[in-house]
Amino acid sequence: MRGIQVFYEGRVQGVGFRYCVRQLACGYEVTGWVKNLPDGRVELQACGEADELERFLEAIRESEVKGHIRKEEVHNIEAFSSKGFEIVR
């Protein structure tokens, strides 16, 4: 198991970005959450097998919101326990 933390910059708030990410997560064996940050970025934390996480990130990159992403910053973090994938408010 691997954990990742991803920060997305661009026009990623107010465009359905978090909802799209949550919907995409349903198609992968990943758990975690996504939330808006006060500075206009979106933070995602996910846990799963390394190859599954990479496929999930690639799906986000190729999704309907790809045009809103200006920058993606991925960090490895310690794997964590979570059920499902949710939007944190």
PDB file of N, CA and C in Angstrom:
ATOM      1  N   MET A   1       0.840  -1.190   0.000  1.00  0.00           N
ATOM      2  CA  MET A   1       0.000   0.000   0.000  1.00  0.00           C
ATOM      3  C   MET A   1       0.878   1.245   0.000  1.00  0.00           C
ATOM      4  N   ARG A   2       0.363   2.245  -0.655  1.00  0.00           N
ATOM      5  CA  ARG A   2       1.084   3.511  -0.791  1.00  0.00           C
ATOM      6  C   ARG A   2       0.095   4.645  -0.569  1.00  0.00           C
ATOM      7  N   GLY A   3       0.578   5.741  -0.027  1.00  0.00           N
ATOM      8  CA  GLY A   3      -0.245   6.928   0.138  1.00  0.00           C
ATOM      9  C   GLY A   3       0.312   8.065  -0.695  1.00  0.00           C
ATOM     10  N   ILE A   4      -0.579   8.873  -1.247  1.00  0.00           N
ATOM     11  CA  ILE A   4      -0.146  10.052  -1.994  1.00  0.00           C
ATOM     12  C   ILE A   4      -0.960  11.262  -1.568  1.00  0.00           C
ATOM     13  N   GLN A   5      -0.331  12.404  -1.681  1.00  0.00           N
ATOM     14  CA  GLN A   5      -0.970  13.698  -1.466  1.00  0.00           C
ATOM     15  C   GLN A   5      -0.735  14.491  -2.741  1.00  0.00           C
ATOM     16  N   VAL A   6      -1.819  15.009  -3.329  1.00  0.00           N
ATOM     17  CA  VAL A   6      -1.713  15.732  -4.588  1.00  0.00           C
ATOM     18  C   VAL A   6      -2.355  17.101  -4.421  1.00  0.00           C
ATOM     19  N   PHE A   7      -1.649  18.126  -4.878  1.00  0.00           N
ATOM     20  CA  PHE A   7      -2.201  19.474  -4.907  1.00  0.00           C
ATOM     21  C   PHE A   7      -2.417  19.856  -6.362  1.00  0.00           C
ATOM     22  N   TYR A   8      -3.633  20.314  -6.669  1.00  0.00           N
ATOM     23  CA  TYR A   8      -3.966  20.771  -8.013  1.00  0.00           C
ATOM     24  C   TYR A   8      -4.140  22.279  -7.984  1.00  0.00           C
ATOM     25  N   GLU A   9      -3.533  22.939  -8.965  1.00  0.00           N
ATOM     26  CA  GLU A   9      -3.679  24.383  -9.125  1.00  0.00           C
ATOM     27  C   GLU A   9      -4.305  24.661 -10.484  1.00  0.00           C
ATOM     28  N   GLY A  10      -4.938  25.808 -10.576  1.00  0.00           N
ATOM     29  CA  GLY A  10      -5.602  26.226 -11.807  1.00  0.00           C
ATOM     30  C   GLY A  10      -7.006  26.680 -11.461  1.00  0.00           C
ATOM     31  N   ARG A  11      -7.907  26.482 -12.392  1.00  0.00           N
ATOM     32  CA  ARG A  11      -9.316  26.794 -12.118  1.00  0.00           C
ATOM     33  C   ARG A  11      -9.994  25.511 -11.660  1.00  0.00           C
ATOM     34  N   VAL A  12      -9.660  25.087 -10.443  1.00  0.00           N
ATOM     35  CA  VAL A  12     -10.090  23.780  -9.948  1.00  0.00           C
ATOM     36  C   VAL A  12     -11.176  23.874  -8.873  1.00  0.00           C
ATOM     37  N   GLN A  13     -11.608  25.078  -8.558  1.00  0.00           N
ATOM     38  CA  GLN A  13     -12.716  25.231  -7.613  1.00  0.00           C
ATOM     39  C   GLN A  13     -13.903  25.842  -8.355  1.00  0.00           C
ATOM     40  N   GLY A  14     -15.091  25.362  -8.023  1.00  0.00           N
ATOM     41  CA  GLY A  14     -16.300  25.899  -8.630  1.00  0.00           C
ATOM     42  C   GLY A  14     -16.593  25.345 -10.014  1.00  0.00           C
ATOM     43  N   VAL A  15     -15.914  24.259 -10.395  1.00  0.00           N
ATOM     44  CA  VAL A  15     -16.120  23.675 -11.724  1.00  0.00           C
ATOM     45  C   VAL A  15     -16.479  22.190 -11.653  1.00  0.00           C
ATOM     46  N   GLY A  16     -16.794  21.689 -10.462  1.00  0.00           N
ATOM     47  CA  GLY A  16     -17.139  20.278 -10.292  1.00  0.00           C
ATOM     48  C   GLY A  16     -15.936  19.363 -10.195  1.00  0.00           C
ATOM     49  N   PHE A  17     -14.768  19.927  -9.928  1.00  0.00           N
ATOM     50  CA  PHE A  17     -13.535  19.148  -9.882  1.00  0.00           C
ATOM     51  C   PHE A  17     -13.599  18.036  -8.833  1.00  0.00           C
ATOM     52  N   ARG A  18     -13.987  18.377  -7.611  1.00  0.00           N
ATOM     53  CA  ARG A  18     -14.024  17.368  -6.534  1.00  0.00           C
ATOM     54  C   ARG A  18     -15.014  16.266  -6.839  1.00  0.00           C
ATOM     55  N   TYR A  19     -16.156  16.626  -7.417  1.00  0.00           N
ATOM     56  CA  TYR A  19     -17.178  15.625  -7.738  1.00  0.00           C
ATOM     57  C   TYR A  19     -16.694  14.686  -8.830  1.00  0.00           C
ATOM     58  N   CYS A  20     -15.987  15.225  -9.803  1.00  0.00           N
ATOM     59  CA  CYS A  20     -15.414  14.407 -10.869  1.00  0.00           C
ATOM     60  C   CYS A  20     -14.382  13.436 -10.295  1.00  0.00           C
ATOM     61  N   VAL A  21     -13.514  13.929  -9.427  1.00  0.00           N
ATOM     62  CA  VAL A  21     -12.487  13.086  -8.816  1.00  0.00           C
ATOM     63  C   VAL A  21     -13.136  11.974  -7.996  1.00  0.00           C
ATOM     64  N   ARG A  22     -14.152  12.300  -7.227  1.00  0.00           N
ATOM     65  CA  ARG A  22     -14.827  11.276  -6.423  1.00  0.00           C
ATOM     66  C   ARG A  22     -15.463  10.222  -7.328  1.00  0.00           C
ATOM     67  N   GLN A  23     -16.084  10.654  -8.402  1.00  0.00           N
ATOM     68  CA  GLN A  23     -16.706   9.719  -9.334  1.00  0.00           C
ATOM     69  C   GLN A  23     -15.659   8.814  -9.971  1.00  0.00           C
ATOM     70  N   LEU A  24     -14.541   9.378 -10.367  1.00  0.00           N
ATOM     71  CA  LEU A  24     -13.463   8.585 -10.958  1.00  0.00           C
ATOM     72  C   LEU A  24     -12.918   7.564  -9.959  1.00  0.00           C
ATOM     73  N   ALA A  25     -12.816   7.952  -8.693  1.00  0.00           N
ATOM     74  CA  ALA A  25     -12.278   7.061  -7.662  1.00  0.00           C
ATOM     75  C   ALA A  25     -13.091   5.775  -7.550  1.00  0.00           C
ATOM     76  N   CYS A  26     -14.379   5.847  -7.859  1.00  0.00           N
ATOM     77  CA  CYS A  26     -15.243   4.662  -7.779  1.00  0.00           C
ATOM     78  C   CYS A  26     -14.787   3.561  -8.729  1.00  0.00           C
ATOM     79  N   GLY A  27     -14.074   3.918  -9.779  1.00  0.00           N
ATOM     80  CA  GLY A  27     -13.608   2.938 -10.747  1.00  0.00           C
ATOM     81  C   GLY A  27     -12.253   2.335 -10.429  1.00  0.00           C
ATOM     82  N   TYR A  28     -11.686   2.712  -9.302  1.00  0.00           N
ATOM     83  CA  TYR A  28     -10.353   2.241  -8.923  1.00  0.00           C
ATOM     84  C   TYR A  28     -10.363   1.761  -7.484  1.00  0.00           C
ATOM     85  N   GLU A  29      -9.426   0.905  -7.157  1.00  0.00           N
ATOM     86  CA  GLU A  29      -9.317   0.414  -5.786  1.00  0.00           C
ATOM     87  C   GLU A  29      -8.446   1.369  -4.988  1.00  0.00           C
ATOM     88  N   VAL A  30      -9.010   2.545  -4.727  1.00  0.00           N
ATOM     89  CA  VAL A  30      -8.338   3.571  -3.934  1.00  0.00           C
ATOM     90  C   VAL A  30      -9.312   4.084  -2.880  1.00  0.00           C
ATOM     91  N   THR A  31      -8.770   4.563  -1.801  1.00  0.00           N
ATOM     92  CA  THR A  31      -9.562   5.204  -0.763  1.00  0.00           C
ATOM     93  C   THR A  31      -8.946   6.561  -0.486  1.00  0.00           C
ATOM     94  N   GLY A  32      -9.720   7.439   0.153  1.00  0.00           N
ATOM     95  CA  GLY A  32      -9.173   8.734   0.517  1.00  0.00           C
ATOM     96  C   GLY A  32     -10.197   9.844   0.432  1.00  0.00           C
ATOM     97  N   TRP A  33      -9.710  11.038   0.101  1.00  0.00           N
ATOM     98  CA  TRP A  33     -10.590  12.208   0.094  1.00  0.00           C
ATOM     99  C   TRP A  33     -10.024  13.300  -0.799  1.00  0.00           C
ATOM    100  N   VAL A  34     -10.885  14.272  -1.100  1.00  0.00           N
ATOM    101  CA  VAL A  34     -10.511  15.439  -1.885  1.00  0.00           C
ATOM    102  C   VAL A  34     -11.198  16.650  -1.262  1.00  0.00           C
ATOM    103  N   LYS A  35     -10.505  17.791  -1.219  1.00  0.00           N
ATOM    104  CA  LYS A  35     -11.116  18.983  -0.638  1.00  0.00           C
ATOM    105  C   LYS A  35     -10.547  20.254  -1.255  1.00  0.00           C
ATOM    106  N   ASN A  36     -11.341  21.313  -1.198  1.00  0.00           N
ATOM    107  CA  ASN A  36     -10.891  22.642  -1.599  1.00  0.00           C
ATOM    108  C   ASN A  36     -10.045  23.232  -0.485  1.00  0.00           C
ATOM    109  N   LEU A  37      -9.032  24.002  -0.870  1.00  0.00           N
ATOM    110  CA  LEU A  37      -8.198  24.712   0.093  1.00  0.00           C
ATOM    111  C   LEU A  37      -8.490  26.205   0.001  1.00  0.00           C
ATOM    112  N   PRO A  38      -8.298  26.937   1.093  1.00  0.00           N
ATOM    113  CA  PRO A  38      -8.583  28.377   1.099  1.00  0.00           C
ATOM    114  C   PRO A  38      -7.796  29.172   0.049  1.00  0.00           C
ATOM    115  N   ASP A  39      -6.633  28.664  -0.367  1.00  0.00           N
ATOM    116  CA  ASP A  39      -5.810  29.399  -1.331  1.00  0.00           C
ATOM    117  C   ASP A  39      -6.194  29.138  -2.794  1.00  0.00           C
ATOM    118  N   GLY A  40      -7.290  28.399  -3.017  1.00  0.00           N
ATOM    119  CA  GLY A  40      -7.763  28.160  -4.378  1.00  0.00           C
ATOM    120  C   GLY A  40      -7.322  26.840  -4.975  1.00  0.00           C
ATOM    121  N   ARG A  41      -6.436  26.128  -4.290  1.00  0.00           N
ATOM    122  CA  ARG A  41      -6.014  24.815  -4.771  1.00  0.00           C
ATOM    123  C   ARG A  41      -6.996  23.744  -4.299  1.00  0.00           C
ATOM    124  N   VAL A  42      -6.829  22.544  -4.836  1.00  0.00           N
ATOM    125  CA  VAL A  42      -7.559  21.370  -4.369  1.00  0.00           C
ATOM    126  C   VAL A  42      -6.526  20.368  -3.891  1.00  0.00           C
ATOM    127  N   GLU A  43      -6.791  19.764  -2.729  1.00  0.00           N
ATOM    128  CA  GLU A  43      -5.908  18.737  -2.176  1.00  0.00           C
ATOM    129  C   GLU A  43      -6.605  17.387  -2.271  1.00  0.00           C
ATOM    130  N   LEU A  44      -5.847  16.387  -2.694  1.00  0.00           N
ATOM    131  CA  LEU A  44      -6.338  15.014  -2.754  1.00  0.00           C
ATOM    132  C   LEU A  44      -5.375  14.155  -1.944  1.00  0.00           C
ATOM    133  N   GLN A  45      -5.903  13.264  -1.129  1.00  0.00           N
ATOM    134  CA  GLN A  45      -5.085  12.245  -0.480  1.00  0.00           C
ATOM    135  C   GLN A  45      -5.727  10.916  -0.789  1.00  0.00           C
ATOM    136  N   ALA A  46      -4.909   9.977  -1.246  1.00  0.00           N
ATOM    137  CA  ALA A  46      -5.426   8.671  -1.638  1.00  0.00           C
ATOM    138  C   ALA A  46      -4.448   7.586  -1.221  1.00  0.00           C
ATOM    139  N   CYS A  47      -4.991   6.405  -1.035  1.00  0.00           N
ATOM    140  CA  CYS A  47      -4.212   5.258  -0.620  1.00  0.00           C
ATOM    141  C   CYS A  47      -4.622   4.068  -1.476  1.00  0.00           C
ATOM    142  N   GLY A  48      -3.661   3.269  -1.867  1.00  0.00           N
ATOM    143  CA  GLY A  48      -3.927   2.080  -2.668  1.00  0.00           C
ATOM    144  C   GLY A  48      -2.616   1.489  -3.148  1.00  0.00           C
ATOM    145  N   GLU A  49      -2.702   0.484  -3.998  1.00  0.00           N
ATOM    146  CA  GLU A  49      -1.506  -0.087  -4.602  1.00  0.00           C
ATOM    147  C   GLU A  49      -0.917   0.936  -5.572  1.00  0.00           C
ATOM    148  N   ALA A  50       0.383   0.941  -5.714  1.00  0.00           N
ATOM    149  CA  ALA A  50       1.075   1.963  -6.512  1.00  0.00           C
ATOM    150  C   ALA A  50       0.548   2.038  -7.940  1.00  0.00           C
ATOM    151  N   ASP A  51       0.365   0.905  -8.596  1.00  0.00           N
ATOM    152  CA  ASP A  51      -0.089   0.936  -9.991  1.00  0.00           C
ATOM    153  C   ASP A  51      -1.534   1.420 -10.098  1.00  0.00           C
ATOM    154  N   GLU A  52      -2.345   1.094  -9.121  1.00  0.00           N
ATOM    155  CA  GLU A  52      -3.736   1.549  -9.126  1.00  0.00           C
ATOM    156  C   GLU A  52      -3.813   3.054  -8.901  1.00  0.00           C
ATOM    157  N   LEU A  53      -2.984   3.573  -8.005  1.00  0.00           N
ATOM    158  CA  LEU A  53      -2.930   5.021  -7.776  1.00  0.00           C
ATOM    159  C   LEU A  53      -2.491   5.753  -9.037  1.00  0.00           C
ATOM    160  N   GLU A  54      -1.521   5.209  -9.743  1.00  0.00           N
ATOM    161  CA  GLU A  54      -1.044   5.866 -10.966  1.00  0.00           C
ATOM    162  C   GLU A  54      -2.141   5.866 -12.035  1.00  0.00           C
ATOM    163  N   ARG A  55      -2.879   4.775 -12.144  1.00  0.00           N
ATOM    164  CA  ARG A  55      -4.000   4.732 -13.107  1.00  0.00           C
ATOM    165  C   ARG A  55      -5.076   5.739 -12.721  1.00  0.00           C
ATOM    166  N   PHE A  56      -5.346   5.879 -11.442  1.00  0.00           N
ATOM    167  CA  PHE A  56      -6.322   6.845 -10.950  1.00  0.00           C
ATOM    168  C   PHE A  56      -5.887   8.266 -11.301  1.00  0.00           C
ATOM    169  N   LEU A  57      -4.629   8.597 -11.033  1.00  0.00           N
ATOM    170  CA  LEU A  57      -4.126   9.933 -11.357  1.00  0.00           C
ATOM    171  C   LEU A  57      -4.178  10.191 -12.861  1.00  0.00           C
ATOM    172  N   GLU A  58      -3.859   9.190 -13.650  1.00  0.00           N
ATOM    173  CA  GLU A  58      -3.910   9.346 -15.104  1.00  0.00           C
ATOM    174  C   GLU A  58      -5.350   9.578 -15.566  1.00  0.00           C
ATOM    175  N   ALA A  59      -6.296   8.908 -14.921  1.00  0.00           N
ATOM    176  CA  ALA A  59      -7.711   9.114 -15.258  1.00  0.00           C
ATOM    177  C   ALA A  59      -8.126  10.551 -14.969  1.00  0.00           C
ATOM    178  N   ILE A  60      -7.643  11.122 -13.873  1.00  0.00           N
ATOM    179  CA  ILE A  60      -7.937  12.529 -13.559  1.00  0.00           C
ATOM    180  C   ILE A  60      -7.331  13.424 -14.628  1.00  0.00           C
ATOM    181  N   ARG A  61      -6.086  13.123 -15.004  1.00  0.00           N
ATOM    182  CA  ARG A  61      -5.396  13.935 -16.024  1.00  0.00           C
ATOM    183  C   ARG A  61      -6.108  13.915 -17.373  1.00  0.00           C
ATOM    184  N   GLU A  62      -6.822  12.838 -17.654  1.00  0.00           N
ATOM    185  CA  GLU A  62      -7.502  12.691 -18.945  1.00  0.00           C
ATOM    186  C   GLU A  62      -9.004  12.943 -18.860  1.00  0.00           C
ATOM    187  N   SER A  63      -9.490  13.338 -17.698  1.00  0.00           N
ATOM    188  CA  SER A  63     -10.929  13.510 -17.481  1.00  0.00           C
ATOM    189  C   SER A  63     -11.427  14.837 -18.041  1.00  0.00           C
ATOM    190  N   GLU A  64     -12.719  15.056 -17.862  1.00  0.00           N
ATOM    191  CA  GLU A  64     -13.350  16.301 -18.331  1.00  0.00           C
ATOM    192  C   GLU A  64     -12.802  17.551 -17.652  1.00  0.00           C
ATOM    193  N   VAL A  65     -12.120  17.409 -16.511  1.00  0.00           N
ATOM    194  CA  VAL A  65     -11.585  18.580 -15.801  1.00  0.00           C
ATOM    195  C   VAL A  65     -10.120  18.857 -16.130  1.00  0.00           C
ATOM    196  N   LYS A  66      -9.549  18.089 -17.046  1.00  0.00           N
ATOM    197  CA  LYS A  66      -8.123  18.255 -17.346  1.00  0.00           C
ATOM    198  C   LYS A  66      -7.765  19.672 -17.795  1.00  0.00           C
ATOM    199  N   GLY A  67      -8.674  20.331 -18.470  1.00  0.00           N
ATOM    200  CA  GLY A  67      -8.410  21.689 -18.933  1.00  0.00           C
ATOM    201  C   GLY A  67      -8.345  22.718 -17.822  1.00  0.00           C
ATOM    202  N   HIS A  68      -8.817  22.353 -16.642  1.00  0.00           N
ATOM    203  CA  HIS A  68      -8.803  23.268 -15.503  1.00  0.00           C
ATOM    204  C   HIS A  68      -7.515  23.151 -14.682  1.00  0.00           C
ATOM    205  N   ILE A  69      -6.755  22.086 -14.909  1.00  0.00           N
ATOM    206  CA  ILE A  69      -5.537  21.842 -14.130  1.00  0.00           C
ATOM    207  C   ILE A  69      -4.359  22.560 -14.781  1.00  0.00           C
ATOM    208  N   ARG A  70      -3.765  23.480 -14.048  1.00  0.00           N
ATOM    209  CA  ARG A  70      -2.568  24.183 -14.519  1.00  0.00           C
ATOM    210  C   ARG A  70      -1.311  23.500 -13.979  1.00  0.00           C
ATOM    211  N   LYS A  71      -1.399  22.977 -12.746  1.00  0.00           N
ATOM    212  CA  LYS A  71      -0.242  22.349 -12.110  1.00  0.00           C
ATOM    213  C   LYS A  71      -0.712  21.233 -11.205  1.00  0.00           C
ATOM    214  N   GLU A  72       0.030  20.135 -11.208  1.00  0.00           N
ATOM    215  CA  GLU A  72      -0.232  18.988 -10.335  1.00  0.00           C
ATOM    216  C   GLU A  72       1.051  18.697  -9.571  1.00  0.00           C
ATOM    217  N   GLU A  73       0.957  18.644  -8.246  1.00  0.00           N
ATOM    218  CA  GLU A  73       2.127  18.393  -7.403  1.00  0.00           C
ATOM    219  C   GLU A  73       1.842  17.156  -6.564  1.00  0.00           C
ATOM    220  N   VAL A  74       2.584  16.073  -6.805  1.00  0.00           N
ATOM    221  CA  VAL A  74       2.346  14.788  -6.148  1.00  0.00           C
ATOM    222  C   VAL A  74       3.440  14.518  -5.123  1.00  0.00           C
ATOM    223  N   HIS A  75       3.020  14.128  -3.919  1.00  0.00           N
ATOM    224  CA  HIS A  75       3.946  13.772  -2.841  1.00  0.00           C
ATOM    225  C   HIS A  75       3.584  12.396  -2.314  1.00  0.00           C
ATOM    226  N   ASN A  76       4.586  11.600  -1.986  1.00  0.00           N
ATOM    227  CA  ASN A  76       4.345  10.334  -1.305  1.00  0.00           C
ATOM    228  C   ASN A  76       4.147  10.625   0.177  1.00  0.00           C
ATOM    229  N   ILE A  77       3.142   9.980   0.749  1.00  0.00           N
ATOM    230  CA  ILE A  77       2.897  10.088   2.187  1.00  0.00           C
ATOM    231  C   ILE A  77       2.728   8.679   2.734  1.00  0.00           C
ATOM    232  N   GLU A  78       2.690   8.569   4.026  1.00  0.00           N
ATOM    233  CA  GLU A  78       2.488   7.279   4.657  1.00  0.00           C
ATOM    234  C   GLU A  78       1.088   6.769   4.327  1.00  0.00           C
ATOM    235  N   ALA A  79       0.988   5.483   4.034  1.00  0.00           N
ATOM    236  CA  ALA A  79      -0.313   4.873   3.761  1.00  0.00           C
ATOM    237  C   ALA A  79      -1.207   5.042   4.987  1.00  0.00           C
ATOM    238  N   PHE A  80      -2.493   5.216   4.752  1.00  0.00           N
ATOM    239  CA  PHE A  80      -3.436   5.441   5.839  1.00  0.00           C
ATOM    240  C   PHE A  80      -4.664   4.571   5.637  1.00  0.00           C
ATOM    241  N   SER A  81      -5.425   4.413   6.662  1.00  0.00           N
ATOM    242  CA  SER A  81      -6.637   3.603   6.609  1.00  0.00           C
ATOM    243  C   SER A  81      -7.846   4.510   6.381  1.00  0.00           C
ATOM    244  N   SER A  82      -8.647   4.164   5.403  1.00  0.00           N
ATOM    245  CA  SER A  82      -9.822   4.953   5.070  1.00  0.00           C
ATOM    246  C   SER A  82     -10.823   4.040   4.398  1.00  0.00           C
ATOM    247  N   LYS A  83     -12.081   4.370   4.524  1.00  0.00           N
ATOM    248  CA  LYS A  83     -13.119   3.607   3.827  1.00  0.00           C
ATOM    249  C   LYS A  83     -13.707   4.478   2.737  1.00  0.00           C
ATOM    250  N   GLY A  84     -13.698   3.981   1.528  1.00  0.00           N
ATOM    251  CA  GLY A  84     -14.288   4.725   0.435  1.00  0.00           C
ATOM    252  C   GLY A  84     -13.481   5.951   0.050  1.00  0.00           C
ATOM    253  N   PHE A  85     -14.108   6.786  -0.747  1.00  0.00           N
ATOM    254  CA  PHE A  85     -13.485   8.023  -1.199  1.00  0.00           C
ATOM    255  C   PHE A  85     -14.515   9.115  -1.058  1.00  0.00           C
ATOM    256  N   GLU A  86     -14.179  10.191  -0.364  1.00  0.00           N
ATOM    257  CA  GLU A  86     -15.184  11.220  -0.084  1.00  0.00           C
ATOM    258  C   GLU A  86     -14.689  12.623  -0.346  1.00  0.00           C
ATOM    259  N   ILE A  87     -15.641  13.514  -0.437  1.00  0.00           N
ATOM    260  CA  ILE A  87     -15.358  14.939  -0.529  1.00  0.00           C
ATOM    261  C   ILE A  87     -15.381  15.487   0.876  1.00  0.00           C
ATOM    262  N   VAL A  88     -14.307  16.149   1.279  1.00  0.00           N
ATOM    263  CA  VAL A  88     -14.237  16.775   2.599  1.00  0.00           C
ATOM    264  C   VAL A  88     -14.560  18.247   2.421  1.00  0.00           C
ATOM    265  N   ARG A  89     -15.403  18.762   3.282  1.00  0.00           N
ATOM    266  CA  ARG A  89     -15.786  20.171   3.183  1.00  0.00           C
ATOM    267  C   ARG A  89     -15.092  20.996   4.239  1.00  0.00           C
TER     268      ARG A  89
END
